[in-house]
């Protein structure tokens, strides 16, 4: 049953990532933490690793279509490496309940922003 659930979560995350360009973590992290019982930190780290193949395939496809500004991608990627290191230091220093609440607040803020964008268009 766990394998079926994990495959379903991977499929859902892949569809969201392919459709909207983001979204895997929004599905992966809560499922890994709440359903499979991982700690928040382990769920976030596992989600980041699981998204790598999705990002690689999506990037490959978008490069073939000519939709990628390679210079911008390299610049963002370099900055992201520093951000990941800083994020790890913050996440690993917080208690589990605080990290979980911050992630929940991030999800709510993301939903509000998406709702605002839809309303404006």
N, C-alpha and C. Protein backbone atom coordinates (compact mmCIF):
# COMPACT_ATOMS: atom_id res chain seq x y z
N UNK A 1 0.82 -1.20 0.00
CA UNK A 1 0.00 0.00 0.00
C UNK A 1 0.87 1.27 0.00
N UNK A 2 1.97 1.26 0.76
CA UNK A 2 2.84 2.42 0.82
C UNK A 2 3.46 2.70 -0.54
N UNK A 3 3.84 1.66 -1.27
CA UNK A 3 4.45 1.84 -2.59
C UNK A 3 3.44 2.49 -3.54
N UNK A 4 2.20 2.04 -3.51
CA UNK A 4 1.16 2.62 -4.36
C UNK A 4 0.96 4.09 -4.02
N UNK A 5 0.92 4.41 -2.73
CA UNK A 5 0.75 5.79 -2.30
C UNK A 5 1.91 6.66 -2.77
N UNK A 6 3.12 6.17 -2.62
CA UNK A 6 4.30 6.94 -3.03
C UNK A 6 4.30 7.15 -4.54
N UNK A 7 3.91 6.13 -5.31
CA UNK A 7 3.82 6.28 -6.77
C UNK A 7 2.77 7.33 -7.12
N UNK A 8 1.62 7.29 -6.45
CA UNK A 8 0.56 8.26 -6.70
C UNK A 8 1.03 9.68 -6.37
N UNK A 9 1.70 9.83 -5.24
CA UNK A 9 2.20 11.15 -4.85
C UNK A 9 3.22 11.65 -5.87
N UNK A 10 4.10 10.77 -6.33
CA UNK A 10 5.07 11.15 -7.35
C UNK A 10 4.40 11.57 -8.64
N UNK A 11 3.37 10.84 -9.03
CA UNK A 11 2.62 11.19 -10.24
C UNK A 11 1.94 12.55 -10.09
N UNK A 12 1.29 12.76 -8.95
CA UNK A 12 0.61 14.04 -8.71
C UNK A 12 1.60 15.20 -8.70
N UNK A 13 2.73 15.01 -8.03
CA UNK A 13 3.75 16.05 -8.00
C UNK A 13 4.32 16.34 -9.38
N UNK A 14 4.52 15.29 -10.16
CA UNK A 14 5.03 15.47 -11.52
C UNK A 14 4.05 16.22 -12.41
N UNK A 15 2.77 15.88 -12.29
CA UNK A 15 1.76 16.58 -13.08
C UNK A 15 1.71 18.06 -12.69
N UNK A 16 1.72 18.34 -11.39
CA UNK A 16 1.71 19.74 -10.95
C UNK A 16 2.96 20.48 -11.42
N UNK A 17 4.11 19.84 -11.30
CA UNK A 17 5.35 20.48 -11.73
C UNK A 17 5.36 20.73 -13.23
N UNK A 18 4.89 19.76 -14.00
CA UNK A 18 4.86 19.91 -15.45
C UNK A 18 3.83 20.94 -15.91
N UNK A 19 2.72 21.02 -15.20
CA UNK A 19 1.65 21.95 -15.60
C UNK A 19 1.94 23.37 -15.19
N UNK A 20 2.39 23.55 -13.94
CA UNK A 20 2.55 24.89 -13.40
C UNK A 20 4.00 25.32 -13.20
N UNK A 21 4.93 24.42 -13.39
CA UNK A 21 6.34 24.75 -13.21
C UNK A 21 6.81 24.60 -11.77
N UNK A 22 5.89 24.41 -10.86
CA UNK A 22 6.19 24.17 -9.44
C UNK A 22 5.12 23.26 -8.89
N UNK A 23 5.27 22.86 -7.66
CA UNK A 23 4.17 22.15 -7.03
C UNK A 23 4.52 20.82 -6.42
N UNK A 24 5.64 20.21 -6.83
CA UNK A 24 5.97 18.91 -6.28
C UNK A 24 6.07 18.92 -4.77
N UNK A 25 6.77 19.90 -4.23
CA UNK A 25 6.94 20.00 -2.78
C UNK A 25 5.64 20.24 -2.04
N UNK A 26 4.71 20.92 -2.70
CA UNK A 26 3.42 21.19 -2.07
C UNK A 26 2.66 19.88 -1.85
N UNK A 27 2.88 18.92 -2.71
CA UNK A 27 2.25 17.60 -2.56
C UNK A 27 3.13 16.67 -1.74
N UNK A 28 4.43 16.65 -2.06
CA UNK A 28 5.33 15.68 -1.43
C UNK A 28 5.50 15.88 0.07
N UNK A 29 5.78 17.09 0.49
CA UNK A 29 6.14 17.32 1.89
C UNK A 29 5.01 16.96 2.86
N UNK A 30 3.79 17.46 2.66
CA UNK A 30 2.73 17.06 3.59
C UNK A 30 2.46 15.55 3.59
N UNK A 31 2.51 14.94 2.42
CA UNK A 31 2.26 13.50 2.35
C UNK A 31 3.36 12.72 3.06
N UNK A 32 4.59 13.08 2.82
CA UNK A 32 5.70 12.38 3.47
C UNK A 32 5.66 12.55 4.98
N UNK A 33 5.30 13.76 5.43
CA UNK A 33 5.30 14.04 6.87
C UNK A 33 4.06 13.45 7.55
N UNK A 34 2.89 13.70 6.99
CA UNK A 34 1.66 13.32 7.68
C UNK A 34 1.25 11.88 7.43
N UNK A 35 1.40 11.41 6.21
CA UNK A 35 0.93 10.07 5.88
C UNK A 35 2.01 9.02 6.13
N UNK A 36 3.24 9.31 5.73
CA UNK A 36 4.30 8.32 5.87
C UNK A 36 5.10 8.47 7.16
N UNK A 37 4.86 9.55 7.92
CA UNK A 37 5.45 9.69 9.24
C UNK A 37 6.86 10.22 9.29
N UNK A 38 7.37 10.80 8.20
CA UNK A 38 8.71 11.38 8.25
C UNK A 38 8.67 12.68 9.06
N UNK A 39 9.79 13.04 9.63
CA UNK A 39 9.86 14.35 10.29
C UNK A 39 9.77 15.42 9.22
N UNK A 40 9.46 16.63 9.62
CA UNK A 40 9.33 17.72 8.66
C UNK A 40 10.64 17.93 7.90
N UNK A 41 11.76 17.91 8.60
CA UNK A 41 13.06 18.11 7.95
C UNK A 41 13.35 17.00 6.95
N UNK A 42 13.07 15.74 7.34
CA UNK A 42 13.30 14.61 6.43
C UNK A 42 12.34 14.66 5.23
N UNK A 43 11.11 15.09 5.46
CA UNK A 43 10.14 15.20 4.37
C UNK A 43 10.59 16.26 3.37
N UNK A 44 11.06 17.40 3.86
CA UNK A 44 11.52 18.45 2.97
C UNK A 44 12.75 18.00 2.18
N UNK A 45 13.69 17.35 2.85
CA UNK A 45 14.90 16.89 2.16
C UNK A 45 14.57 15.82 1.13
N UNK A 46 13.69 14.90 1.48
CA UNK A 46 13.28 13.85 0.54
C UNK A 46 12.57 14.45 -0.66
N UNK A 47 11.74 15.44 -0.41
CA UNK A 47 11.03 16.11 -1.50
C UNK A 47 12.00 16.78 -2.46
N UNK A 48 13.01 17.43 -1.92
CA UNK A 48 14.00 18.09 -2.79
C UNK A 48 14.71 17.07 -3.68
N UNK A 49 15.07 15.93 -3.11
CA UNK A 49 15.73 14.90 -3.92
C UNK A 49 14.78 14.32 -4.96
N UNK A 50 13.53 14.10 -4.57
CA UNK A 50 12.55 13.51 -5.49
C UNK A 50 12.23 14.43 -6.65
N UNK A 51 12.37 15.73 -6.47
CA UNK A 51 12.03 16.68 -7.52
C UNK A 51 13.14 16.77 -8.58
N UNK A 52 14.35 16.32 -8.27
CA UNK A 52 15.45 16.43 -9.23
C UNK A 52 15.13 15.78 -10.58
N UNK A 53 14.62 14.53 -10.63
CA UNK A 53 14.31 13.96 -11.95
C UNK A 53 13.21 14.73 -12.68
N UNK A 54 12.22 15.19 -11.93
CA UNK A 54 11.14 15.97 -12.53
C UNK A 54 11.69 17.26 -13.13
N UNK A 55 12.53 17.94 -12.38
CA UNK A 55 13.13 19.18 -12.86
C UNK A 55 14.02 18.93 -14.08
N UNK A 56 14.76 17.83 -14.05
CA UNK A 56 15.64 17.52 -15.18
C UNK A 56 14.84 17.27 -16.46
N UNK A 57 13.80 16.48 -16.37
CA UNK A 57 12.98 16.19 -17.55
C UNK A 57 12.27 17.45 -18.03
N UNK A 58 11.70 18.21 -17.09
CA UNK A 58 11.02 19.45 -17.47
C UNK A 58 11.97 20.44 -18.13
N UNK A 59 13.16 20.56 -17.59
CA UNK A 59 14.16 21.47 -18.16
C UNK A 59 14.57 21.03 -19.55
N UNK A 60 14.84 19.74 -19.70
CA UNK A 60 15.23 19.20 -21.00
C UNK A 60 14.16 19.50 -22.05
N UNK A 61 12.92 19.28 -21.67
CA UNK A 61 11.81 19.51 -22.60
C UNK A 61 11.69 21.00 -22.95
N UNK A 62 11.79 21.86 -21.95
CA UNK A 62 11.64 23.30 -22.20
C UNK A 62 12.83 23.86 -22.98
N UNK A 63 14.03 23.32 -22.77
CA UNK A 63 15.19 23.75 -23.56
C UNK A 63 14.96 23.39 -25.03
N UNK A 64 14.46 22.19 -25.28
CA UNK A 64 14.19 21.76 -26.66
C UNK A 64 13.16 22.67 -27.33
N UNK A 65 12.24 23.20 -26.56
CA UNK A 65 11.22 24.10 -27.12
C UNK A 65 11.71 25.54 -27.23
N UNK A 66 12.92 25.81 -26.70
CA UNK A 66 13.48 27.15 -26.77
C UNK A 66 12.92 28.11 -25.73
N UNK A 67 12.40 27.57 -24.62
CA UNK A 67 11.76 28.40 -23.60
C UNK A 67 12.65 28.74 -22.41
N UNK A 68 13.93 28.41 -22.49
CA UNK A 68 14.81 28.61 -21.33
C UNK A 68 15.85 29.68 -21.65
N UNK A 69 15.96 30.65 -20.77
CA UNK A 69 17.04 31.64 -20.83
C UNK A 69 18.19 31.04 -20.01
N UNK A 70 19.14 30.45 -20.68
CA UNK A 70 20.21 29.70 -20.02
C UNK A 70 21.02 30.58 -19.08
N UNK A 71 21.32 31.79 -19.48
CA UNK A 71 22.09 32.71 -18.63
C UNK A 71 21.34 32.98 -17.33
N UNK A 72 20.05 33.26 -17.42
CA UNK A 72 19.24 33.50 -16.22
C UNK A 72 19.17 32.24 -15.37
N UNK A 73 19.03 31.09 -16.00
CA UNK A 73 18.95 29.83 -15.26
C UNK A 73 20.22 29.55 -14.47
N UNK A 74 21.36 29.81 -15.09
CA UNK A 74 22.64 29.60 -14.39
C UNK A 74 22.78 30.56 -13.22
N UNK A 75 22.39 31.81 -13.42
CA UNK A 75 22.47 32.80 -12.34
C UNK A 75 21.56 32.43 -11.19
N UNK A 76 20.33 32.07 -11.51
CA UNK A 76 19.38 31.66 -10.47
C UNK A 76 19.87 30.40 -9.77
N UNK A 77 20.39 29.46 -10.54
CA UNK A 77 20.91 28.21 -9.96
C UNK A 77 22.04 28.45 -8.98
N UNK A 78 22.95 29.34 -9.35
CA UNK A 78 24.07 29.65 -8.45
C UNK A 78 23.57 30.29 -7.15
N UNK A 79 22.64 31.22 -7.28
CA UNK A 79 22.06 31.83 -6.08
C UNK A 79 21.27 30.83 -5.26
N UNK A 80 20.64 29.89 -5.93
CA UNK A 80 19.85 28.88 -5.21
C UNK A 80 20.72 27.98 -4.35
N UNK A 81 21.93 27.71 -4.83
CA UNK A 81 22.84 26.87 -4.04
C UNK A 81 23.12 27.54 -2.70
N UNK A 82 23.38 28.83 -2.72
CA UNK A 82 23.60 29.56 -1.48
C UNK A 82 22.33 29.57 -0.62
N UNK A 83 21.19 29.73 -1.26
CA UNK A 83 19.92 29.72 -0.54
C UNK A 83 19.63 28.39 0.12
N UNK A 84 19.95 27.31 -0.57
CA UNK A 84 19.75 25.97 0.00
C UNK A 84 20.64 25.78 1.23
N UNK A 85 21.87 26.21 1.14
CA UNK A 85 22.77 26.07 2.30
C UNK A 85 22.24 26.88 3.49
N UNK A 86 21.81 28.10 3.24
CA UNK A 86 21.24 28.92 4.31
C UNK A 86 19.94 28.32 4.84
N UNK A 87 19.10 27.85 3.93
CA UNK A 87 17.84 27.23 4.35
C UNK A 87 18.06 26.00 5.19
N UNK A 88 19.05 25.21 4.83
CA UNK A 88 19.37 24.03 5.63
C UNK A 88 19.78 24.43 7.04
N UNK A 89 20.62 25.44 7.16
CA UNK A 89 21.06 25.88 8.49
C UNK A 89 19.88 26.34 9.34
N UNK A 90 18.95 27.07 8.73
CA UNK A 90 17.77 27.53 9.46
C UNK A 90 16.87 26.35 9.82
N UNK A 91 16.56 25.51 8.82
CA UNK A 91 15.64 24.39 9.04
C UNK A 91 16.17 23.41 10.08
N UNK A 92 17.46 23.13 10.04
CA UNK A 92 18.01 22.15 10.99
C UNK A 92 18.14 22.72 12.40
N UNK A 93 18.07 24.04 12.53
CA UNK A 93 18.19 24.63 13.86
C UNK A 93 16.82 24.84 14.53
N UNK A 94 15.74 24.73 13.76
CA UNK A 94 14.40 24.96 14.32
C UNK A 94 13.82 23.69 14.91
N UNK A 95 12.98 23.83 15.94
CA UNK A 95 12.27 22.65 16.43
C UNK A 95 11.26 22.17 15.39
N UNK A 96 10.94 20.89 15.43
CA UNK A 96 10.02 20.26 14.47
C UNK A 96 8.71 21.03 14.33
N UNK A 97 8.09 21.39 15.43
CA UNK A 97 6.78 22.05 15.37
C UNK A 97 6.88 23.43 14.70
N UNK A 98 7.98 24.14 14.93
CA UNK A 98 8.14 25.46 14.32
C UNK A 98 8.34 25.34 12.81
N UNK A 99 9.15 24.37 12.40
CA UNK A 99 9.39 24.16 10.97
C UNK A 99 8.10 23.75 10.27
N UNK A 100 7.32 22.91 10.91
CA UNK A 100 6.04 22.47 10.33
C UNK A 100 5.08 23.65 10.18
N UNK A 101 5.02 24.49 11.19
CA UNK A 101 4.14 25.67 11.13
C UNK A 101 4.60 26.66 10.06
N UNK A 102 5.90 26.86 9.96
CA UNK A 102 6.42 27.75 8.92
C UNK A 102 6.10 27.22 7.52
N UNK A 103 6.21 25.91 7.34
CA UNK A 103 5.88 25.34 6.05
C UNK A 103 4.39 25.52 5.75
N UNK A 104 3.55 25.31 6.76
CA UNK A 104 2.11 25.54 6.59
C UNK A 104 1.80 26.98 6.24
N UNK A 105 2.47 27.91 6.90
CA UNK A 105 2.27 29.34 6.60
C UNK A 105 2.71 29.64 5.16
N UNK A 106 3.78 29.01 4.73
CA UNK A 106 4.25 29.19 3.36
C UNK A 106 3.20 28.69 2.37
N UNK A 107 2.59 27.55 2.65
CA UNK A 107 1.55 27.02 1.77
C UNK A 107 0.35 27.97 1.70
N UNK A 108 -0.05 28.50 2.85
CA UNK A 108 -1.18 29.44 2.88
C UNK A 108 -0.83 30.70 2.08
N UNK A 109 0.36 31.23 2.28
CA UNK A 109 0.78 32.43 1.55
C UNK A 109 0.82 32.17 0.05
N UNK A 110 1.29 31.00 -0.34
CA UNK A 110 1.32 30.64 -1.76
C UNK A 110 -0.09 30.57 -2.32
N UNK A 111 -1.00 29.95 -1.59
CA UNK A 111 -2.39 29.85 -2.05
C UNK A 111 -3.02 31.24 -2.18
N UNK A 112 -2.76 32.11 -1.21
CA UNK A 112 -3.31 33.47 -1.28
C UNK A 112 -2.75 34.24 -2.48
N UNK A 113 -1.46 34.09 -2.74
CA UNK A 113 -0.85 34.77 -3.88
C UNK A 113 -1.44 34.26 -5.19
N UNK A 114 -1.61 32.94 -5.31
CA UNK A 114 -2.20 32.38 -6.53
C UNK A 114 -3.63 32.88 -6.71
N UNK A 115 -4.39 32.90 -5.62
CA UNK A 115 -5.75 33.41 -5.68
C UNK A 115 -5.79 34.87 -6.10
N UNK A 116 -4.88 35.67 -5.58
CA UNK A 116 -4.80 37.09 -5.92
C UNK A 116 -4.48 37.27 -7.40
N UNK A 117 -3.53 36.46 -7.90
CA UNK A 117 -3.17 36.56 -9.32
C UNK A 117 -4.35 36.20 -10.21
N UNK A 118 -5.07 35.16 -9.87
CA UNK A 118 -6.23 34.75 -10.66
C UNK A 118 -7.28 35.85 -10.67
N UNK A 119 -7.51 36.43 -9.51
CA UNK A 119 -8.50 37.48 -9.41
C UNK A 119 -8.12 38.72 -10.23
N UNK A 120 -6.83 39.01 -10.29
CA UNK A 120 -6.36 40.18 -11.03
C UNK A 120 -6.42 39.99 -12.55
N UNK A 121 -6.40 38.75 -13.01
CA UNK A 121 -6.37 38.52 -14.47
C UNK A 121 -7.71 38.34 -15.09
